[in-house]
């Protein structure tokens, strides 16, 4: 059997199983649903960022301290975007419009499906401060500041600012204070070589990964502003991507290469974005960079959230692939390519 036919058959089976799972989601109208999430012992499936362990404590009558029954629920939160061929967001889709494979198997159970527009944001601005972008640096800083003003909501959202040349430097740690973030952006000074992959790796490992455990679902994203021409990093691009996958972080990239031809740096930006479910923008001029920021801002507020329990799940730390597509082939789904299961 050819590879294409194998995928078609697997996807067809998946579509049927996912559709069959709709009985667990009343109405299936794109609103939150958690029917079937409780068991006889009162356990409620907990949804978290990536794969979280949900625990429930049941107290026996007459017990002074309480008798605890602990159950673990392994769930995956899959945030994804659906667009048409022009890149416009497609709203109001239902679970029955999609087919999903996790580690080449249909999910054991779908817990919820929502069109999320208000999840808290955890956004990192990772800005190239190497010598190669000196001529357009001021405009980049202005555009980045405008993006923060546009996308962040006080109290709910957080952002940090990281610059990189030969090494990454944290200019402003997590905060919802726009003035502090703007000050961090304005500190940047161009000079030195380009260690893009190191910066992405560091932003995910040191900043985003700490936000993934035991917290409510959030959208984690890194916005990279660079020409993509890495010439200094100690880690490879695949290592940077894997760290983003571990941190459940989407990469959006805005290229500062405004030459007519697309170079190797642009390919690197596209590869990182596509692997994590994000998007790379290639504005033809400095003025068009603002459009890229506007598109990212809109997309961060216009995504779907699918929560499910994988079949044959093992807490072995292995990478599990995700294959999600829309049954209406006019639409394109952007989602992460997979995730790392937790280790026991």
Protein backbone atom coordinates (compact mmCIF):
# COMPACT_ATOMS: atom_id res chain seq x y z
CA UNK A 1 0.00 0.00 0.00
CA UNK A 2 1.42 3.41 -0.88
CA UNK A 3 2.24 5.96 1.84
CA UNK A 4 -0.42 8.35 0.55
CA UNK A 5 -3.10 5.64 0.66
CA UNK A 6 -2.02 4.67 4.19
CA UNK A 7 -2.45 8.24 5.39
CA UNK A 8 -5.79 8.54 3.64
CA UNK A 9 -7.13 5.38 5.27
CA UNK A 10 -5.81 6.36 8.69
CA UNK A 11 -7.30 9.84 8.40
CA UNK A 12 -10.64 8.42 7.28
CA UNK A 13 -10.75 6.10 10.30
CA UNK A 14 -9.74 9.00 12.52
CA UNK A 15 -12.49 11.21 11.11
CA UNK A 16 -15.08 8.56 11.90
CA UNK A 17 -13.80 8.02 15.44
CA UNK A 18 -13.56 11.73 16.19
CA UNK A 19 -17.09 12.23 14.88
CA UNK A 20 -18.30 9.33 16.99
CA UNK A 21 -16.78 11.06 20.01
CA UNK A 22 -19.16 13.99 19.55
CA UNK A 23 -21.66 12.26 21.81
CA UNK A 24 -19.38 13.35 24.65
CA UNK A 25 -19.72 16.99 23.70
CA UNK A 26 -23.32 18.23 23.91
CA UNK A 27 -24.41 20.50 21.10
CA UNK A 28 -20.92 20.61 19.57
CA UNK A 29 -21.38 24.27 18.71
CA UNK A 30 -17.91 25.52 19.49
CA UNK A 31 -18.76 26.37 23.11
CA UNK A 32 -17.03 24.85 26.13
CA UNK A 33 -18.21 21.34 26.97
CA UNK A 34 -16.98 18.86 29.55
CA UNK A 35 -19.73 16.27 29.62
CA UNK A 36 -18.51 12.84 30.64
CA UNK A 37 -15.53 14.28 32.43
CA UNK A 38 -16.56 12.92 35.83
CA UNK A 39 -16.36 9.36 37.12
CA UNK A 40 -18.06 7.50 39.95
CA UNK A 41 -15.42 8.73 42.38
CA UNK A 42 -16.03 12.35 41.44
CA UNK A 43 -12.87 12.78 39.39
CA UNK A 44 -12.98 15.70 36.98
CA UNK A 45 -10.70 15.84 33.98
CA UNK A 46 -8.38 18.78 34.38
CA UNK A 47 -7.21 20.56 31.27
CA UNK A 48 -3.82 22.26 31.40
CA UNK A 49 -1.07 23.43 29.13
CA UNK A 50 0.27 20.37 27.38
CA UNK A 51 -0.17 17.23 29.50
CA UNK A 52 -1.17 17.88 33.10
CA UNK A 53 -2.04 15.49 35.88
CA UNK A 54 -5.48 16.15 37.36
CA UNK A 55 -6.07 15.07 40.95
CA UNK A 56 -9.24 14.69 43.00
CA UNK A 57 -9.53 14.14 46.73
CA UNK A 58 -12.54 12.12 47.97
CA UNK A 59 -13.17 12.19 51.73
CA UNK A 60 -14.66 9.15 53.47
CA UNK A 61 -17.39 9.84 56.09
CA UNK A 62 -16.14 9.66 59.66
CA UNK A 63 -12.51 10.22 58.74
CA UNK A 64 -10.59 12.86 60.64
CA UNK A 65 -7.94 13.45 58.01
CA UNK A 66 -9.88 12.34 54.95
CA UNK A 67 -9.18 9.41 52.68
CA UNK A 68 -7.72 10.48 49.33
CA UNK A 69 -8.32 8.75 46.03
CA UNK A 70 -5.87 10.07 43.47
CA UNK A 71 -6.38 9.59 39.76
CA UNK A 72 -4.21 10.93 36.97
CA UNK A 73 -5.77 12.19 33.78
CA UNK A 74 -3.42 12.69 30.85
CA UNK A 75 -4.87 15.31 28.55
CA UNK A 76 -3.52 17.30 25.65
CA UNK A 77 -4.53 20.88 24.97
CA UNK A 78 -4.16 21.50 21.25
CA UNK A 79 -4.42 25.14 20.20
CA UNK A 80 -4.71 25.61 16.44
CA UNK A 81 -5.67 28.10 13.74
CA UNK A 82 -7.85 27.57 10.67
CA UNK A 83 -7.52 29.88 7.67
CA UNK A 84 -8.62 30.03 4.06
CA UNK A 85 -6.19 30.24 1.17
CA UNK A 86 -5.95 34.00 1.65
CA UNK A 87 -4.92 33.63 5.30
CA UNK A 88 -8.25 34.83 6.75
CA UNK A 89 -9.34 33.18 10.00
CA UNK A 90 -12.31 30.79 9.73
CA UNK A 91 -14.62 30.98 12.80
CA UNK A 92 -17.56 28.89 14.00
CA UNK A 93 -16.28 25.46 12.99
CA UNK A 94 -17.36 22.33 14.88
CA UNK A 95 -15.48 19.32 16.14
CA UNK A 96 -17.09 17.25 13.40
CA UNK A 97 -15.23 19.42 10.86
CA UNK A 98 -11.87 17.97 11.91
CA UNK A 99 -9.94 14.69 11.97
CA UNK A 100 -7.13 14.08 14.46
CA UNK A 101 -4.39 11.50 14.92
CA UNK A 102 -2.16 11.39 18.00
CA UNK A 103 0.81 9.07 17.56
CA UNK A 104 -1.01 7.72 14.46
CA UNK A 105 -4.12 6.80 16.50
CA UNK A 106 -7.47 8.48 17.00
CA UNK A 107 -7.79 9.96 20.51
CA UNK A 108 -9.33 7.81 23.20
CA UNK A 109 -11.64 10.59 24.25
CA UNK A 110 -12.40 14.21 23.43
CA UNK A 111 -13.05 16.29 26.53
CA UNK A 112 -13.79 19.72 25.10
CA UNK A 113 -13.75 21.77 21.94
CA UNK A 114 -13.96 25.55 22.01
CA UNK A 115 -13.33 28.54 19.85
CA UNK A 116 -11.02 30.39 22.21
CA UNK A 117 -10.55 34.12 21.85
CA UNK A 118 -9.65 35.19 25.39
CA UNK A 119 -7.04 32.80 26.75
CA UNK A 120 -4.30 34.63 28.68
CA UNK A 121 -1.20 35.31 26.59
CA UNK A 122 2.40 34.56 27.49
CA UNK A 123 4.37 36.25 24.73
CA UNK A 124 8.10 36.69 24.31
CA UNK A 125 9.54 39.28 21.96
CA UNK A 126 12.89 37.96 20.69
CA UNK A 127 14.59 40.71 18.71
CA UNK A 128 17.67 40.47 16.54
CA UNK A 129 20.17 43.08 17.72
CA UNK A 130 23.08 41.99 15.53
CA UNK A 131 25.01 44.24 13.18
CA UNK A 132 23.12 42.97 10.11
CA UNK A 133 19.90 44.81 11.02
CA UNK A 134 21.44 48.15 12.10
CA UNK A 135 19.80 50.25 9.35
CA UNK A 136 16.24 49.22 10.25
CA UNK A 137 16.64 48.83 13.99
CA UNK A 138 14.71 51.91 15.13
CA UNK A 139 11.71 50.98 13.02
CA UNK A 140 11.76 47.45 14.43
CA UNK A 141 11.67 48.79 17.97
CA UNK A 142 8.76 51.10 17.19
CA UNK A 143 6.79 48.27 15.58
CA UNK A 144 7.49 45.91 18.49
CA UNK A 145 6.31 48.50 21.02
CA UNK A 146 3.13 49.12 19.05
CA UNK A 147 2.48 45.37 18.98
CA UNK A 148 2.74 45.13 22.76
CA UNK A 149 0.35 48.06 23.19
CA UNK A 150 -2.11 46.42 20.85
CA UNK A 151 -2.08 42.82 22.07
CA UNK A 152 -1.49 42.85 25.85
CA UNK A 153 -4.28 43.14 28.40
CA UNK A 154 -3.21 44.24 31.86
CA UNK A 155 -3.47 41.61 34.61
CA UNK A 156 -4.41 38.79 32.21
CA UNK A 157 -1.41 38.77 29.84
CA UNK A 158 2.35 38.75 30.35
CA UNK A 159 5.29 39.40 28.06
CA UNK A 160 9.07 39.54 28.16
CA UNK A 161 11.67 41.15 25.91
CA UNK A 162 14.85 39.36 24.85
CA UNK A 163 17.53 40.66 22.49
CA UNK A 164 20.23 38.63 20.83
CA UNK A 165 23.45 39.14 18.92
CA UNK A 166 26.25 36.71 19.77
CA UNK A 167 24.34 35.84 22.96
CA UNK A 168 20.73 36.28 24.15
CA UNK A 169 20.07 38.96 26.76
CA UNK A 170 16.88 39.34 28.77
CA UNK A 171 16.01 43.04 28.69
CA UNK A 172 12.69 42.77 30.53
CA UNK A 173 11.32 39.80 32.45
CA UNK A 174 7.67 38.69 32.57
CA UNK A 175 5.34 41.64 33.21
CA UNK A 176 2.07 43.20 32.12
CA UNK A 177 3.54 46.68 32.54
CA UNK A 178 3.68 48.20 29.06
CA UNK A 179 6.01 51.01 30.17
CA UNK A 180 8.52 48.49 31.53
CA UNK A 181 8.32 46.44 28.33
CA UNK A 182 8.78 49.55 26.19
CA UNK A 183 11.82 50.49 28.26
CA UNK A 184 13.19 47.01 27.63
CA UNK A 185 12.72 47.40 23.88
CA UNK A 186 14.35 50.83 23.89
CA UNK A 187 17.44 49.47 25.66
CA UNK A 188 18.38 47.47 22.58
CA UNK A 189 21.52 48.48 20.73
CA UNK A 190 22.65 46.73 17.52
CA UNK A 191 26.05 45.09 17.21
CA UNK A 192 27.74 41.70 17.03
CA UNK A 193 27.06 38.40 15.28
CA UNK A 194 23.77 36.45 15.18
CA UNK A 195 22.89 33.56 17.50
CA UNK A 196 19.22 33.13 16.59
CA UNK A 197 18.81 29.46 17.53
CA UNK A 198 20.46 30.02 20.92
CA UNK A 199 18.02 32.87 21.59
CA UNK A 200 14.94 30.80 20.68
CA UNK A 201 16.23 27.89 22.77
CA UNK A 202 16.92 30.16 25.75
CA UNK A 203 13.57 31.95 25.49
CA UNK A 204 11.72 28.65 25.59
CA UNK A 205 13.84 26.89 28.19
CA UNK A 206 14.38 29.75 30.63
CA UNK A 207 11.12 31.67 30.22
CA UNK A 208 8.30 29.70 28.58
CA UNK A 209 8.98 26.24 30.03
CA UNK A 210 8.52 27.57 33.56
CA UNK A 211 4.99 28.63 32.59
CA UNK A 212 3.78 25.20 31.44
CA UNK A 213 3.34 23.26 34.66
CA UNK A 214 0.31 23.32 36.92
CA UNK A 215 -1.31 26.42 35.49
CA UNK A 216 -4.47 27.31 33.61
CA UNK A 217 -4.43 27.02 29.81
CA UNK A 218 -2.63 29.95 28.20
CA UNK A 219 -1.34 30.78 24.76
CA UNK A 220 2.44 30.72 24.75
CA UNK A 221 4.13 32.36 21.80
CA UNK A 222 7.47 33.82 20.79
CA UNK A 223 7.60 36.59 18.20
CA UNK A 224 11.00 36.53 16.50
CA UNK A 225 12.16 39.61 14.58
CA UNK A 226 15.23 38.71 12.53
CA UNK A 227 16.65 38.10 9.08
CA UNK A 228 17.18 34.49 10.22
CA UNK A 229 20.84 34.34 9.23
CA UNK A 230 22.34 32.52 12.19
CA UNK A 231 26.14 32.46 12.30
CA UNK A 232 26.98 32.03 15.97
CA UNK A 233 24.65 29.58 17.76
CA UNK A 234 25.89 26.63 19.77
CA UNK A 235 22.63 24.72 19.31
CA UNK A 236 21.16 23.56 16.00
CA UNK A 237 17.82 24.67 14.64
CA UNK A 238 16.26 21.26 15.38
CA UNK A 239 17.30 21.56 19.02
CA UNK A 240 15.68 25.00 19.24
CA UNK A 241 12.46 23.60 17.73
CA UNK A 242 12.42 20.68 20.18
CA UNK A 243 12.75 23.06 23.10
CA UNK A 244 9.78 25.05 21.78
CA UNK A 245 7.80 21.82 21.57
CA UNK A 246 8.69 20.94 25.15
CA UNK A 247 7.59 24.42 26.27
CA UNK A 248 4.35 24.20 24.23
CA UNK A 249 5.30 27.46 22.51
CA UNK A 250 4.28 28.73 19.07
CA UNK A 251 6.80 30.70 17.04
CA UNK A 252 5.77 33.65 14.90
CA UNK A 253 8.55 35.13 12.82
CA UNK A 254 8.81 38.47 11.04
CA UNK A 255 11.65 38.55 8.55
CA UNK A 256 13.74 41.69 8.22
CA UNK A 257 15.13 40.54 4.89
CA UNK A 258 13.57 42.97 2.42
CA UNK A 259 15.54 41.91 -0.62
CA UNK A 260 13.52 40.46 -3.53
CA UNK A 261 14.99 36.98 -3.09
CA UNK A 262 14.32 34.65 -0.18
CA UNK A 263 17.47 33.36 1.49
CA UNK A 264 18.53 30.61 3.86
CA UNK A 265 17.61 32.77 6.83
CA UNK A 266 14.02 33.02 5.62
CA UNK A 267 13.91 29.24 5.29
CA UNK A 268 15.02 28.92 8.91
CA UNK A 269 12.31 31.28 10.13
CA UNK A 270 9.67 29.39 8.15
CA UNK A 271 10.85 26.02 9.44
CA UNK A 272 10.66 27.06 13.09
CA UNK A 273 7.26 28.67 12.68
CA UNK A 274 5.65 25.78 10.78
CA UNK A 275 7.02 23.12 13.15
CA UNK A 276 5.37 24.81 16.15
CA UNK A 277 2.04 25.73 14.53
CA UNK A 278 2.95 29.37 13.96
CA UNK A 279 3.55 31.47 10.90
CA UNK A 280 6.38 33.35 9.23
CA UNK A 281 5.86 36.76 7.66
CA UNK A 282 8.02 38.23 4.93
CA UNK A 283 7.11 41.93 4.61
CA UNK A 284 8.52 43.59 1.47
CA UNK A 285 9.38 46.79 3.33
CA UNK A 286 9.76 48.24 6.81
CA UNK A 287 6.32 49.82 6.62
CA UNK A 288 4.73 46.43 5.92
CA UNK A 289 6.23 45.00 9.10
CA UNK A 290 3.30 46.57 10.98
CA UNK A 291 0.91 44.36 8.99
CA UNK A 292 2.77 41.28 10.20
CA UNK A 293 2.41 42.35 13.82
CA UNK A 294 -1.31 43.08 13.25
CA UNK A 295 -1.82 39.59 11.80
CA UNK A 296 -0.10 37.96 14.78
CA UNK A 297 -2.19 40.02 17.19
CA UNK A 298 -5.41 38.95 15.47
CA UNK A 299 -4.40 35.29 15.32
CA UNK A 300 -3.52 35.11 19.01
CA UNK A 301 -7.14 36.03 19.76
CA UNK A 302 -8.68 33.81 17.08
CA UNK A 303 -7.76 30.19 17.67
CA UNK A 304 -9.43 26.93 18.58
CA UNK A 305 -8.73 24.76 21.61
CA UNK A 306 -9.25 20.99 21.49
CA UNK A 307 -8.70 18.97 24.68
CA UNK A 308 -8.42 15.20 24.41
CA UNK A 309 -7.03 12.06 25.99
CA UNK A 310 -4.60 10.19 23.72
CA UNK A 311 -4.98 6.47 23.06
CA UNK A 312 -2.28 4.14 24.42
CA UNK A 313 -0.68 7.02 26.29
CA UNK A 314 2.61 6.32 28.09
CA UNK A 315 4.43 8.70 30.41
CA UNK A 316 7.79 7.86 28.89
CA UNK A 317 9.05 11.24 27.74
CA UNK A 318 8.74 10.23 24.07
CA UNK A 319 7.72 12.58 21.29
CA UNK A 320 4.17 11.97 20.06
CA UNK A 321 3.19 13.27 16.63
CA UNK A 322 -0.03 15.16 15.97
CA UNK A 323 -1.83 15.16 12.62
CA UNK A 324 -4.86 17.46 12.46
CA UNK A 325 -6.73 18.54 9.36
CA UNK A 326 -10.05 20.07 8.37
CA UNK A 327 -12.43 17.88 6.39
CA UNK A 328 -13.28 20.91 4.25
CA UNK A 329 -10.17 20.95 2.10
CA UNK A 330 -10.61 24.64 1.29
CA UNK A 331 -9.31 25.39 4.78
CA UNK A 332 -5.81 25.05 6.17
CA UNK A 333 -5.06 24.04 9.77
CA UNK A 334 -1.93 25.25 11.54
CA UNK A 335 -1.06 23.30 14.67
CA UNK A 336 2.06 22.02 16.39
CA UNK A 337 3.49 18.84 14.90
CA UNK A 338 3.57 17.02 18.22
CA UNK A 339 4.58 17.15 21.87
CA UNK A 340 6.74 15.38 24.43
CA UNK A 341 4.89 13.13 26.85
CA UNK A 342 5.78 13.74 30.51
CA UNK A 343 8.02 11.32 32.35
CA UNK A 344 6.79 9.55 35.45
